[in-house]
Each structure stands twice: as C-alpha cells, then as structure tokens.
Amino acid sequence: SGGLGFTDTGNKSVIGGLARDFYHRIYMHYQKPEAWVQQK
C-alpha cells in the first residue's frame, strides 16, 4: 500500500491462498466504474 503497485510476481500460478484473494479483490475494485477517475 506504500507505492509498489507494479507487483513483482514471477509466476502467478504459484500465488495462492489469501495472497491470490488480495489480487482478486484488487481486480474487483477496478471492475467498478468509480475506480476510474482520471482514466477510462
């Protein structure tokens, strides 16, 4: 939450559990139109 938003993932298929849930919640955030303020 401190600026590292361009995630260093490596192979995403080995990211599971709550870590994957975090990135799923990020995905759901950006499904909302109101998340896109300065850009479509």
PDB file of all heavy atoms in Angstrom:
ATOM      1  N   SER A   1       0.827  -1.206   0.000  1.00  0.00           N
ATOM      2  CA  SER A   1       0.000   0.000   0.000  1.00  0.00           C
ATOM      3  C   SER A   1       0.858   1.252   0.000  1.00  0.00           C
ATOM      4  O   SER A   1       0.331   2.368   0.029  1.00  0.00           O
ATOM      5  CB  SER A   1      -0.920   0.017   1.227  1.00  0.00           C
ATOM      6  OG  SER A   1      -0.159   0.026   2.424  1.00  0.00           O
ATOM      7  N   GLY A   2       2.176   1.071  -0.047  1.00  0.00           N
ATOM      8  CA  GLY A   2       3.104   2.182   0.043  1.00  0.00           C
ATOM      9  C   GLY A   2       3.720   2.596  -1.268  1.00  0.00           C
ATOM     10  O   GLY A   2       4.692   3.352  -1.279  1.00  0.00           O
ATOM     11  N   GLY A   3       3.189   2.098  -2.395  1.00  0.00           N
ATOM     12  CA  GLY A   3       3.679   2.527  -3.693  1.00  0.00           C
ATOM     13  C   GLY A   3       4.062   1.424  -4.641  1.00  0.00           C
ATOM     14  O   GLY A   3       4.150   1.644  -5.848  1.00  0.00           O
ATOM     15  N   LEU A   4       4.327   0.211  -4.125  1.00  0.00           N
ATOM     16  CA  LEU A   4       4.693  -0.884  -5.016  1.00  0.00           C
ATOM     17  C   LEU A   4       3.412  -1.490  -5.586  1.00  0.00           C
ATOM     18  O   LEU A   4       2.909  -2.497  -5.085  1.00  0.00           O
ATOM     19  CB  LEU A   4       5.533  -1.949  -4.291  1.00  0.00           C
ATOM     20  CG  LEU A   4       6.398  -2.841  -5.186  1.00  0.00           C
ATOM     21  CD1 LEU A   4       7.456  -3.574  -4.359  1.00  0.00           C
ATOM     22  CD2 LEU A   4       5.594  -3.850  -5.987  1.00  0.00           C
ATOM     23  N   GLY A   5       2.922  -0.868  -6.639  1.00  0.00           N
ATOM     24  CA  GLY A   5       1.698  -1.331  -7.280  1.00  0.00           C
ATOM     25  C   GLY A   5       1.941  -2.088  -8.563  1.00  0.00           C
ATOM     26  O   GLY A   5       1.033  -2.687  -9.125  1.00  0.00           O
ATOM     27  N   PHE A   6       3.175  -2.067  -9.056  1.00  0.00           N
ATOM     28  CA  PHE A   6       3.548  -2.822 -10.250  1.00  0.00           C
ATOM     29  C   PHE A   6       4.196  -4.106  -9.748  1.00  0.00           C
ATOM     30  O   PHE A   6       5.405  -4.251  -9.691  1.00  0.00           O
ATOM     31  CB  PHE A   6       4.510  -2.000 -11.112  1.00  0.00           C
ATOM     32  CG  PHE A   6       4.560  -2.403 -12.557  1.00  0.00           C
ATOM     33  CD1 PHE A   6       3.615  -1.937 -13.453  1.00  0.00           C
ATOM     34  CD2 PHE A   6       5.553  -3.236 -13.021  1.00  0.00           C
ATOM     35  CE1 PHE A   6       3.667  -2.302 -14.796  1.00  0.00           C
ATOM     36  CE2 PHE A   6       5.615  -3.606 -14.350  1.00  0.00           C
ATOM     37  CZ  PHE A   6       4.673  -3.135 -15.247  1.00  0.00           C
ATOM     38  N   THR A   7       3.348  -5.050  -9.338  1.00  0.00           N
ATOM     39  CA  THR A   7       3.759  -6.173  -8.492  1.00  0.00           C
ATOM     40  C   THR A   7       4.832  -7.047  -9.131  1.00  0.00           C
ATOM     41  O   THR A   7       4.740  -7.423 -10.302  1.00  0.00           O
ATOM     42  CB  THR A   7       2.543  -7.044  -8.150  1.00  0.00           C
ATOM     43  OG1 THR A   7       1.511  -6.207  -7.631  1.00  0.00           O
ATOM     44  CG2 THR A   7       2.897  -8.102  -7.133  1.00  0.00           C
ATOM     45  N   ASP A   8       5.842  -7.380  -8.333  1.00  0.00           N
ATOM     46  CA  ASP A   8       6.872  -8.339  -8.736  1.00  0.00           C
ATOM     47  C   ASP A   8       6.326  -9.739  -8.484  1.00  0.00           C
ATOM     48  O   ASP A   8       6.422 -10.266  -7.373  1.00  0.00           O
ATOM     49  CB  ASP A   8       8.149  -8.114  -7.916  1.00  0.00           C
ATOM     50  CG  ASP A   8       8.701  -6.710  -8.093  1.00  0.00           C
ATOM     51  OD1 ASP A   8       8.815  -6.265  -9.246  1.00  0.00           O
ATOM     52  OD2 ASP A   8       9.016  -6.055  -7.084  1.00  0.00           O
ATOM     53  N   THR A   9       5.764 -10.336  -9.512  1.00  0.00           N
ATOM     54  CA  THR A   9       5.021 -11.578  -9.311  1.00  0.00           C
ATOM     55  C   THR A   9       5.809 -12.834  -9.624  1.00  0.00           C
ATOM     56  O   THR A   9       5.643 -13.848  -8.974  1.00  0.00           O
ATOM     57  CB  THR A   9       3.758 -11.588 -10.186  1.00  0.00           C
ATOM     58  OG1 THR A   9       4.139 -11.345 -11.550  1.00  0.00           O
ATOM     59  CG2 THR A   9       2.775 -10.523  -9.740  1.00  0.00           C
ATOM     60  N   GLY A  10       6.670 -12.796 -10.649  1.00  0.00           N
ATOM     61  CA  GLY A  10       7.216 -14.048 -11.124  1.00  0.00           C
ATOM     62  C   GLY A  10       6.105 -14.854 -11.771  1.00  0.00           C
ATOM     63  O   GLY A  10       5.302 -14.332 -12.548  1.00  0.00           O
ATOM     64  N   ASN A  11       6.008 -16.125 -11.423  1.00  0.00           N
ATOM     65  CA  ASN A  11       4.976 -17.000 -11.979  1.00  0.00           C
ATOM     66  C   ASN A  11       3.709 -16.896 -11.121  1.00  0.00           C
ATOM     67  O   ASN A  11       3.661 -17.370  -9.988  1.00  0.00           O
ATOM     68  CB  ASN A  11       5.483 -18.445 -12.007  1.00  0.00           C
ATOM     69  CG  ASN A  11       4.573 -19.350 -12.816  1.00  0.00           C
ATOM     70  OD1 ASN A  11       3.359 -19.256 -12.734  1.00  0.00           O
ATOM     71  ND2 ASN A  11       5.174 -20.232 -13.601  1.00  0.00           N
ATOM     72  N   LYS A  12       2.685 -16.279 -11.679  1.00  0.00           N
ATOM     73  CA  LYS A  12       1.470 -16.006 -10.906  1.00  0.00           C
ATOM     74  C   LYS A  12       0.731 -17.272 -10.492  1.00  0.00           C
ATOM     75  O   LYS A  12      -0.042 -17.252  -9.524  1.00  0.00           O
ATOM     76  CB  LYS A  12       0.543 -15.101 -11.718  1.00  0.00           C
ATOM     77  CG  LYS A  12       1.143 -13.738 -12.047  1.00  0.00           C
ATOM     78  CD  LYS A  12       0.195 -12.937 -12.928  1.00  0.00           C
ATOM     79  CE  LYS A  12       0.761 -11.564 -13.253  1.00  0.00           C
ATOM     80  NZ  LYS A  12       1.970 -11.646 -14.115  1.00  0.00           N
ATOM     81  N   SER A  13       0.961 -18.366 -11.198  1.00  0.00           N
ATOM     82  CA  SER A  13       0.212 -19.588 -10.892  1.00  0.00           C
ATOM     83  C   SER A  13       0.605 -20.202  -9.556  1.00  0.00           C
ATOM     84  O   SER A  13      -0.110 -21.067  -9.044  1.00  0.00           O
ATOM     85  CB  SER A  13       0.390 -20.619 -12.012  1.00  0.00           C
ATOM     86  OG  SER A  13       1.731 -21.053 -12.084  1.00  0.00           O
ATOM     87  N   VAL A  14       1.733 -19.776  -8.962  1.00  0.00           N
ATOM     88  CA  VAL A  14       2.115 -20.318  -7.650  1.00  0.00           C
ATOM     89  C   VAL A  14       1.717 -19.374  -6.518  1.00  0.00           C
ATOM     90  O   VAL A  14       2.089 -19.590  -5.363  1.00  0.00           O
ATOM     91  CB  VAL A  14       3.624 -20.643  -7.572  1.00  0.00           C
ATOM     92  CG1 VAL A  14       3.984 -21.701  -8.600  1.00  0.00           C
ATOM     93  CG2 VAL A  14       4.483 -19.398  -7.754  1.00  0.00           C
ATOM     94  N   ILE A  15       0.966 -18.341  -6.834  1.00  0.00           N
ATOM     95  CA  ILE A  15       0.444 -17.425  -5.817  1.00  0.00           C
ATOM     96  C   ILE A  15      -0.973 -17.871  -5.481  1.00  0.00           C
ATOM     97  O   ILE A  15      -1.888 -17.735  -6.288  1.00  0.00           O
ATOM     98  CB  ILE A  15       0.454 -15.970  -6.317  1.00  0.00           C
ATOM     99  CG1 ILE A  15       1.888 -15.551  -6.659  1.00  0.00           C
ATOM    100  CG2 ILE A  15      -0.153 -15.034  -5.274  1.00  0.00           C
ATOM    101  CD1 ILE A  15       1.996 -14.190  -7.324  1.00  0.00           C
ATOM    102  N   GLY A  16      -1.140 -18.419  -4.303  1.00  0.00           N
ATOM    103  CA  GLY A  16      -2.441 -18.962  -3.908  1.00  0.00           C
ATOM    104  C   GLY A  16      -2.932 -18.367  -2.608  1.00  0.00           C
ATOM    105  O   GLY A  16      -2.401 -17.377  -2.092  1.00  0.00           O
ATOM    106  N   GLY A  17      -3.966 -18.990  -2.049  1.00  0.00           N
ATOM    107  CA  GLY A  17      -4.465 -18.620  -0.734  1.00  0.00           C
ATOM    108  C   GLY A  17      -4.898 -17.180  -0.627  1.00  0.00           C
ATOM    109  O   GLY A  17      -5.486 -16.600  -1.551  1.00  0.00           O
ATOM    110  N   LEU A  18      -4.607 -16.562   0.516  1.00  0.00           N
ATOM    111  CA  LEU A  18      -5.020 -15.185   0.771  1.00  0.00           C
ATOM    112  C   LEU A  18      -4.269 -14.199  -0.107  1.00  0.00           C
ATOM    113  O   LEU A  18      -4.790 -13.104  -0.387  1.00  0.00           O
ATOM    114  CB  LEU A  18      -4.811 -14.850   2.244  1.00  0.00           C
ATOM    115  CG  LEU A  18      -5.764 -15.553   3.216  1.00  0.00           C
ATOM    116  CD1 LEU A  18      -5.326 -15.313   4.657  1.00  0.00           C
ATOM    117  CD2 LEU A  18      -7.203 -15.073   3.006  1.00  0.00           C
ATOM    118  N   ALA A  19      -3.067 -14.544  -0.541  1.00  0.00           N
ATOM    119  CA  ALA A  19      -2.349 -13.666  -1.463  1.00  0.00           C
ATOM    120  C   ALA A  19      -3.136 -13.512  -2.755  1.00  0.00           C
ATOM    121  O   ALA A  19      -3.370 -12.399  -3.238  1.00  0.00           O
ATOM    122  CB  ALA A  19      -0.955 -14.211  -1.745  1.00  0.00           C
ATOM    123  N   ARG A  20      -3.590 -14.617  -3.313  1.00  0.00           N
ATOM    124  CA  ARG A  20      -4.394 -14.537  -4.535  1.00  0.00           C
ATOM    125  C   ARG A  20      -5.710 -13.828  -4.263  1.00  0.00           C
ATOM    126  O   ARG A  20      -6.211 -13.078  -5.119  1.00  0.00           O
ATOM    127  CB  ARG A  20      -4.627 -15.940  -5.112  1.00  0.00           C
ATOM    128  CG  ARG A  20      -5.489 -15.949  -6.374  1.00  0.00           C
ATOM    129  CD  ARG A  20      -5.349 -17.249  -7.136  1.00  0.00           C
ATOM    130  NE  ARG A  20      -4.052 -17.329  -7.802  1.00  0.00           N
ATOM    131  CZ  ARG A  20      -3.822 -16.887  -9.044  1.00  0.00           C
ATOM    132  NH1 ARG A  20      -4.788 -16.323  -9.740  1.00  0.00           N
ATOM    133  NH2 ARG A  20      -2.634 -17.007  -9.582  1.00  0.00           N
ATOM    134  N   ASP A  21      -6.271 -14.034  -3.087  1.00  0.00           N
ATOM    135  CA  ASP A  21      -7.509 -13.343  -2.738  1.00  0.00           C
ATOM    136  C   ASP A  21      -7.312 -11.831  -2.737  1.00  0.00           C
ATOM    137  O   ASP A  21      -8.183 -11.075  -3.167  1.00  0.00           O
ATOM    138  CB  ASP A  21      -7.997 -13.805  -1.368  1.00  0.00           C
ATOM    139  CG  ASP A  21      -9.301 -13.141  -0.964  1.00  0.00           C
ATOM    140  OD1 ASP A  21     -10.343 -13.492  -1.542  1.00  0.00           O
ATOM    141  OD2 ASP A  21      -9.275 -12.251  -0.093  1.00  0.00           O
ATOM    142  N   PHE A  22      -6.141 -11.375  -2.252  1.00  0.00           N
ATOM    143  CA  PHE A  22      -5.848  -9.938  -2.262  1.00  0.00           C
ATOM    144  C   PHE A  22      -5.894  -9.401  -3.686  1.00  0.00           C
ATOM    145  O   PHE A  22      -6.531  -8.370  -3.954  1.00  0.00           O
ATOM    146  CB  PHE A  22      -4.470  -9.675  -1.651  1.00  0.00           C
ATOM    147  CG  PHE A  22      -3.991  -8.256  -1.819  1.00  0.00           C
ATOM    148  CD1 PHE A  22      -4.405  -7.263  -0.953  1.00  0.00           C
ATOM    149  CD2 PHE A  22      -3.132  -7.919  -2.863  1.00  0.00           C
ATOM    150  CE1 PHE A  22      -3.977  -5.950  -1.113  1.00  0.00           C
ATOM    151  CE2 PHE A  22      -2.697  -6.617  -3.032  1.00  0.00           C
ATOM    152  CZ  PHE A  22      -3.121  -5.630  -2.153  1.00  0.00           C
ATOM    153  N   TYR A  23      -5.242 -10.084  -4.622  1.00  0.00           N
ATOM    154  CA  TYR A  23      -5.201  -9.604  -6.004  1.00  0.00           C
ATOM    155  C   TYR A  23      -6.552  -9.778  -6.696  1.00  0.00           C
ATOM    156  O   TYR A  23      -6.858  -9.050  -7.651  1.00  0.00           O
ATOM    157  CB  TYR A  23      -4.066 -10.286  -6.760  1.00  0.00           C
ATOM    158  CG  TYR A  23      -2.718  -9.930  -6.170  1.00  0.00           C
ATOM    159  CD1 TYR A  23      -2.016 -10.831  -5.373  1.00  0.00           C
ATOM    160  CD2 TYR A  23      -2.174  -8.660  -6.360  1.00  0.00           C
ATOM    161  CE1 TYR A  23      -0.806 -10.480  -4.793  1.00  0.00           C
ATOM    162  CE2 TYR A  23      -0.962  -8.301  -5.781  1.00  0.00           C
ATOM    163  CZ  TYR A  23      -0.280  -9.212  -4.995  1.00  0.00           C
ATOM    164  OH  TYR A  23       0.910  -8.856  -4.409  1.00  0.00           O
ATOM    165  N   HIS A  24      -7.358 -10.720  -6.225  1.00  0.00           N
ATOM    166  CA  HIS A  24      -8.742 -10.816  -6.710  1.00  0.00           C
ATOM    167  C   HIS A  24      -9.553  -9.604  -6.248  1.00  0.00           C
ATOM    168  O   HIS A  24     -10.333  -9.033  -7.019  1.00  0.00           O
ATOM    169  CB  HIS A  24      -9.393 -12.106  -6.207  1.00  0.00           C
ATOM    170  CG  HIS A  24     -10.872 -12.146  -6.403  1.00  0.00           C
ATOM    171  ND1 HIS A  24     -11.454 -12.200  -7.656  1.00  0.00           N
ATOM    172  CD2 HIS A  24     -11.899 -12.109  -5.503  1.00  0.00           C
ATOM    173  CE1 HIS A  24     -12.776 -12.210  -7.520  1.00  0.00           C
ATOM    174  NE2 HIS A  24     -13.066 -12.153  -6.235  1.00  0.00           N
ATOM    175  N   ARG A  25      -9.354  -9.199  -5.016  1.00  0.00           N
ATOM    176  CA  ARG A  25     -10.077  -8.030  -4.507  1.00  0.00           C
ATOM    177  C   ARG A  25      -9.644  -6.756  -5.234  1.00  0.00           C
ATOM    178  O   ARG A  25     -10.463  -5.857  -5.451  1.00  0.00           O
ATOM    179  CB  ARG A  25      -9.863  -7.907  -2.995  1.00  0.00           C
ATOM    180  CG  ARG A  25     -10.597  -8.990  -2.199  1.00  0.00           C
ATOM    181  CD  ARG A  25     -10.220  -8.976  -0.725  1.00  0.00           C
ATOM    182  NE  ARG A  25     -10.870 -10.044   0.008  1.00  0.00           N
ATOM    183  CZ  ARG A  25     -11.752  -9.866   1.003  1.00  0.00           C
ATOM    184  NH1 ARG A  25     -12.075  -8.636   1.389  1.00  0.00           N
ATOM    185  NH2 ARG A  25     -12.290 -10.898   1.615  1.00  0.00           N
ATOM    186  N   ILE A  26      -8.363  -6.683  -5.593  1.00  0.00           N
ATOM    187  CA  ILE A  26      -7.903  -5.566  -6.424  1.00  0.00           C
ATOM    188  C   ILE A  26      -8.638  -5.580  -7.764  1.00  0.00           C
ATOM    189  O   ILE A  26      -9.105  -4.543  -8.263  1.00  0.00           O
ATOM    190  CB  ILE A  26      -6.378  -5.653  -6.646  1.00  0.00           C
ATOM    191  CG1 ILE A  26      -5.621  -5.375  -5.337  1.00  0.00           C
ATOM    192  CG2 ILE A  26      -5.938  -4.701  -7.747  1.00  0.00           C
ATOM    193  CD1 ILE A  26      -5.666  -3.933  -4.864  1.00  0.00           C
ATOM    194  N   TYR A  27      -8.761  -6.756  -8.343  1.00  0.00           N
ATOM    195  CA  TYR A  27      -9.492  -6.908  -9.616  1.00  0.00           C
ATOM    196  C   TYR A  27     -10.931  -6.429  -9.466  1.00  0.00           C
ATOM    197  O   TYR A  27     -11.441  -5.691 -10.325  1.00  0.00           O
ATOM    198  CB  TYR A  27      -9.449  -8.384 -10.031  1.00  0.00           C
ATOM    199  CG  TYR A  27     -10.336  -8.731 -11.213  1.00  0.00           C
ATOM    200  CD1 TYR A  27      -9.873  -8.597 -12.513  1.00  0.00           C
ATOM    201  CD2 TYR A  27     -11.632  -9.214 -11.018  1.00  0.00           C
ATOM    202  CE1 TYR A  27     -10.674  -8.920 -13.601  1.00  0.00           C
ATOM    203  CE2 TYR A  27     -12.442  -9.540 -12.086  1.00  0.00           C
ATOM    204  CZ  TYR A  27     -11.962  -9.388 -13.375  1.00  0.00           C
ATOM    205  OH  TYR A  27     -12.774  -9.712 -14.438  1.00  0.00           O
ATOM    206  N   MET A  28     -11.573  -6.826  -8.395  1.00  0.00           N
ATOM    207  CA  MET A  28     -12.961  -6.433  -8.188  1.00  0.00           C
ATOM    208  C   MET A  28     -13.080  -4.918  -7.988  1.00  0.00           C
ATOM    209  O   MET A  28     -14.060  -4.302  -8.440  1.00  0.00           O
ATOM    210  CB  MET A  28     -13.544  -7.179  -6.984  1.00  0.00           C
ATOM    211  CG  MET A  28     -13.651  -8.693  -7.183  1.00  0.00           C
ATOM    212  SD  MET A  28     -14.605  -9.159  -8.653  1.00  0.00           S
ATOM    213  CE  MET A  28     -16.239  -8.561  -8.175  1.00  0.00           C
ATOM    214  N   HIS A  29     -12.102  -4.313  -7.348  1.00  0.00           N
ATOM    215  CA  HIS A  29     -12.115  -2.853  -7.175  1.00  0.00           C
ATOM    216  C   HIS A  29     -12.133  -2.156  -8.523  1.00  0.00           C
ATOM    217  O   HIS A  29     -12.893  -1.192  -8.735  1.00  0.00           O
ATOM    218  CB  HIS A  29     -10.888  -2.414  -6.371  1.00  0.00           C
ATOM    219  CG  HIS A  29     -10.662  -0.934  -6.367  1.00  0.00           C
ATOM    220  ND1 HIS A  29     -11.375  -0.072  -5.564  1.00  0.00           N
ATOM    221  CD2 HIS A  29      -9.806  -0.151  -7.096  1.00  0.00           C
ATOM    222  CE1 HIS A  29     -10.973   1.173  -5.786  1.00  0.00           C
ATOM    223  NE2 HIS A  29     -10.023   1.151  -6.703  1.00  0.00           N
ATOM    224  N   TYR A  30     -11.310  -2.643  -9.446  1.00  0.00           N
ATOM    225  CA  TYR A  30     -11.205  -1.975 -10.743  1.00  0.00           C
ATOM    226  C   TYR A  30     -12.294  -2.398 -11.728  1.00  0.00           C
ATOM    227  O   TYR A  30     -12.298  -1.935 -12.872  1.00  0.00           O
ATOM    228  CB  TYR A  30      -9.807  -2.182 -11.327  1.00  0.00           C
ATOM    229  CG  TYR A  30      -8.773  -1.316 -10.639  1.00  0.00           C
ATOM    230  CD1 TYR A  30      -7.859  -1.862  -9.730  1.00  0.00           C
ATOM    231  CD2 TYR A  30      -8.736   0.056 -10.864  1.00  0.00           C
ATOM    232  CE1 TYR A  30      -6.927  -1.063  -9.085  1.00  0.00           C
ATOM    233  CE2 TYR A  30      -7.810   0.867 -10.220  1.00  0.00           C
ATOM    234  CZ  TYR A  30      -6.912   0.304  -9.328  1.00  0.00           C
ATOM    235  OH  TYR A  30      -5.995   1.105  -8.683  1.00  0.00           O
ATOM    236  N   GLN A  31     -13.218  -3.248 -11.285  1.00  0.00           N
ATOM    237  CA  GLN A  31     -14.421  -3.505 -12.077  1.00  0.00           C
ATOM    238  C   GLN A  31     -15.459  -2.402 -11.876  1.00  0.00           C
ATOM    239  O   GLN A  31     -16.409  -2.282 -12.656  1.00  0.00           O
ATOM    240  CB  GLN A  31     -15.031  -4.861 -11.698  1.00  0.00           C
ATOM    241  CG  GLN A  31     -14.142  -6.059 -11.984  1.00  0.00           C
ATOM    242  CD  GLN A  31     -13.691  -6.119 -13.430  1.00  0.00           C
ATOM    243  OE1 GLN A  31     -14.519  -6.161 -14.347  1.00  0.00           O
ATOM    244  NE2 GLN A  31     -12.388  -6.090 -13.646  1.00  0.00           N
ATOM    245  N   LYS A  32     -15.271  -1.601 -10.831  1.00  0.00           N
ATOM    246  CA  LYS A  32     -16.227  -0.538 -10.518  1.00  0.00           C
ATOM    247  C   LYS A  32     -15.911   0.708 -11.351  1.00  0.00           C
ATOM    248  O   LYS A  32     -14.766   1.163 -11.387  1.00  0.00           O
ATOM    249  CB  LYS A  32     -16.148  -0.191  -9.032  1.00  0.00           C
ATOM    250  CG  LYS A  32     -16.419  -1.363  -8.100  1.00  0.00           C
ATOM    251  CD  LYS A  32     -16.154  -0.973  -6.646  1.00  0.00           C
ATOM    252  CE  LYS A  32     -16.324  -2.161  -5.708  1.00  0.00           C
ATOM    253  NZ  LYS A  32     -15.985  -1.808  -4.302  1.00  0.00           N
ATOM    254  N   PRO A  33     -16.902   1.281 -11.995  1.00  0.00           N
ATOM    255  CA  PRO A  33     -16.657   2.491 -12.804  1.00  0.00           C
ATOM    256  C   PRO A  33     -16.057   3.631 -11.990  1.00  0.00           C
ATOM    257  O   PRO A  33     -15.223   4.391 -12.498  1.00  0.00           O
ATOM    258  CB  PRO A  33     -18.059   2.852 -13.314  1.00  0.00           C
ATOM    259  CG  PRO A  33     -18.828   1.570 -13.269  1.00  0.00           C
ATOM    260  CD  PRO A  33     -18.295   0.811 -12.099  1.00  0.00           C
ATOM    261  N   GLU A  34     -16.436   3.722 -10.708  1.00  0.00           N
ATOM    262  CA  GLU A  34     -15.944   4.831  -9.891  1.00  0.00           C
ATOM    263  C   GLU A  34     -14.452   4.708  -9.565  1.00  0.00           C
ATOM    264  O   GLU A  34     -13.840   5.666  -9.054  1.00  0.00           O
ATOM    265  CB  GLU A  34     -16.746   4.934  -8.594  1.00  0.00           C
ATOM    266  CG  GLU A  34     -16.744   3.701  -7.718  1.00  0.00           C
ATOM    267  CD  GLU A  34     -17.926   2.770  -7.989  1.00  0.00           C
ATOM    268  OE1 GLU A  34     -18.420   2.756  -9.148  1.00  0.00           O
ATOM    269  OE2 GLU A  34     -18.342   2.057  -7.055  1.00  0.00           O
ATOM    270  N   ALA A  35     -13.858   3.539  -9.842  1.00  0.00           N
ATOM    271  CA  ALA A  35     -12.418   3.385  -9.603  1.00  0.00           C
ATOM    272  C   ALA A  35     -11.594   4.110 -10.662  1.00  0.00           C
ATOM    273  O   ALA A  35     -10.422   4.402 -10.447  1.00  0.00           O
ATOM    274  CB  ALA A  35     -12.041   1.909  -9.578  1.00  0.00           C
ATOM    275  N   TRP A  36     -12.225   4.388 -11.800  1.00  0.00           N
ATOM    276  CA  TRP A  36     -11.524   5.006 -12.924  1.00  0.00           C
ATOM    277  C   TRP A  36     -11.860   6.493 -12.966  1.00  0.00           C
ATOM    278  O   TRP A  36     -12.824   6.913 -13.588  1.00  0.00           O
ATOM    279  CB  TRP A  36     -11.881   4.299 -14.219  1.00  0.00           C
ATOM    280  CG  TRP A  36     -11.492   2.851 -14.169  1.00  0.00           C
ATOM    281  CD1 TRP A  36     -12.258   1.797 -13.783  1.00  0.00           C
ATOM    282  CD2 TRP A  36     -10.207   2.317 -14.465  1.00  0.00           C
ATOM    283  NE1 TRP A  36     -11.547   0.623 -13.832  1.00  0.00           N
ATOM    284  CE2 TRP A  36     -10.276   0.912 -14.256  1.00  0.00           C
ATOM    285  CE3 TRP A  36      -8.997   2.869 -14.902  1.00  0.00           C
ATOM    286  CZ2 TRP A  36      -9.178   0.072 -14.462  1.00  0.00           C
ATOM    287  CZ3 TRP A  36      -7.912   2.030 -15.113  1.00  0.00           C
ATOM    288  CH2 TRP A  36      -8.005   0.659 -14.888  1.00  0.00           C
ATOM    289  N   VAL A  37     -11.047   7.270 -12.281  1.00  0.00           N
ATOM    290  CA  VAL A  37     -11.322   8.699 -12.112  1.00  0.00           C
ATOM    291  C   VAL A  37     -10.618   9.533 -13.175  1.00  0.00           C
ATOM    292  O   VAL A  37     -11.231  10.364 -13.832  1.00  0.00           O
ATOM    293  CB  VAL A  37     -10.885   9.169 -10.704  1.00  0.00           C
ATOM    294  CG1 VAL A  37     -11.152  10.660 -10.522  1.00  0.00           C
ATOM    295  CG2 VAL A  37     -11.606   8.361  -9.627  1.00  0.00           C
ATOM    296  N   GLN A  38      -9.328   9.308 -13.350  1.00  0.00           N
ATOM    297  CA  GLN A  38      -8.559  10.101 -14.307  1.00  0.00           C
ATOM    298  C   GLN A  38      -8.347   9.387 -15.643  1.00  0.00           C
ATOM    299  O   GLN A  38      -7.696   9.926 -16.535  1.00  0.00           O
ATOM    300  CB  GLN A  38      -7.178  10.449 -13.724  1.00  0.00           C
ATOM    301  CG  GLN A  38      -7.215  11.432 -12.563  1.00  0.00           C
ATOM    302  CD  GLN A  38      -7.333  10.749 -11.218  1.00  0.00           C
ATOM    303  OE1 GLN A  38      -7.024   9.570 -11.080  1.00  0.00           O
ATOM    304  NE2 GLN A  38      -7.802  11.473 -10.213  1.00  0.00           N
ATOM    305  N   GLN A  39      -8.899   8.214 -15.771  1.00  0.00           N
ATOM    306  CA  GLN A  39      -8.649   7.411 -16.961  1.00  0.00           C
ATOM    307  C   GLN A  39      -9.799   6.433 -17.161  1.00  0.00           C
ATOM    308  O   GLN A  39     -10.367   5.926 -16.193  1.00  0.00           O
ATOM    309  CB  GLN A  39      -7.331   6.642 -16.783  1.00  0.00           C
ATOM    310  CG  GLN A  39      -6.838   5.866 -17.979  1.00  0.00           C
ATOM    311  CD  GLN A  39      -5.501   5.206 -17.703  1.00  0.00           C
ATOM    312  OE1 GLN A  39      -5.166   4.871 -16.562  1.00  0.00           O
ATOM    313  NE2 GLN A  39      -4.693   5.032 -18.730  1.00  0.00           N
ATOM    314  N   LYS A  40     -10.131   6.166 -18.416  1.00  0.00           N
ATOM    315  CA  LYS A  40     -11.146   5.160 -18.694  1.00  0.00           C
ATOM    316  C   LYS A  40     -10.511   3.775 -18.616  1.00  0.00           C
ATOM    317  O   LYS A  40      -9.354   3.579 -18.982  1.00  0.00           O
ATOM    318  CB  LYS A  40     -11.752   5.390 -20.078  1.00  0.00           C
ATOM    319  CG  LYS A  40     -12.566   6.673 -20.188  1.00  0.00           C
ATOM    320  CD  LYS A  40     -13.162   6.814 -21.578  1.00  0.00           C
ATOM    321  CE  LYS A  40     -13.984   8.089 -21.681  1.00  0.00           C
ATOM    322  NZ  LYS A  40     -14.561   8.264 -23.036  1.00  0.00           N
TER     323      LYS A  40
END
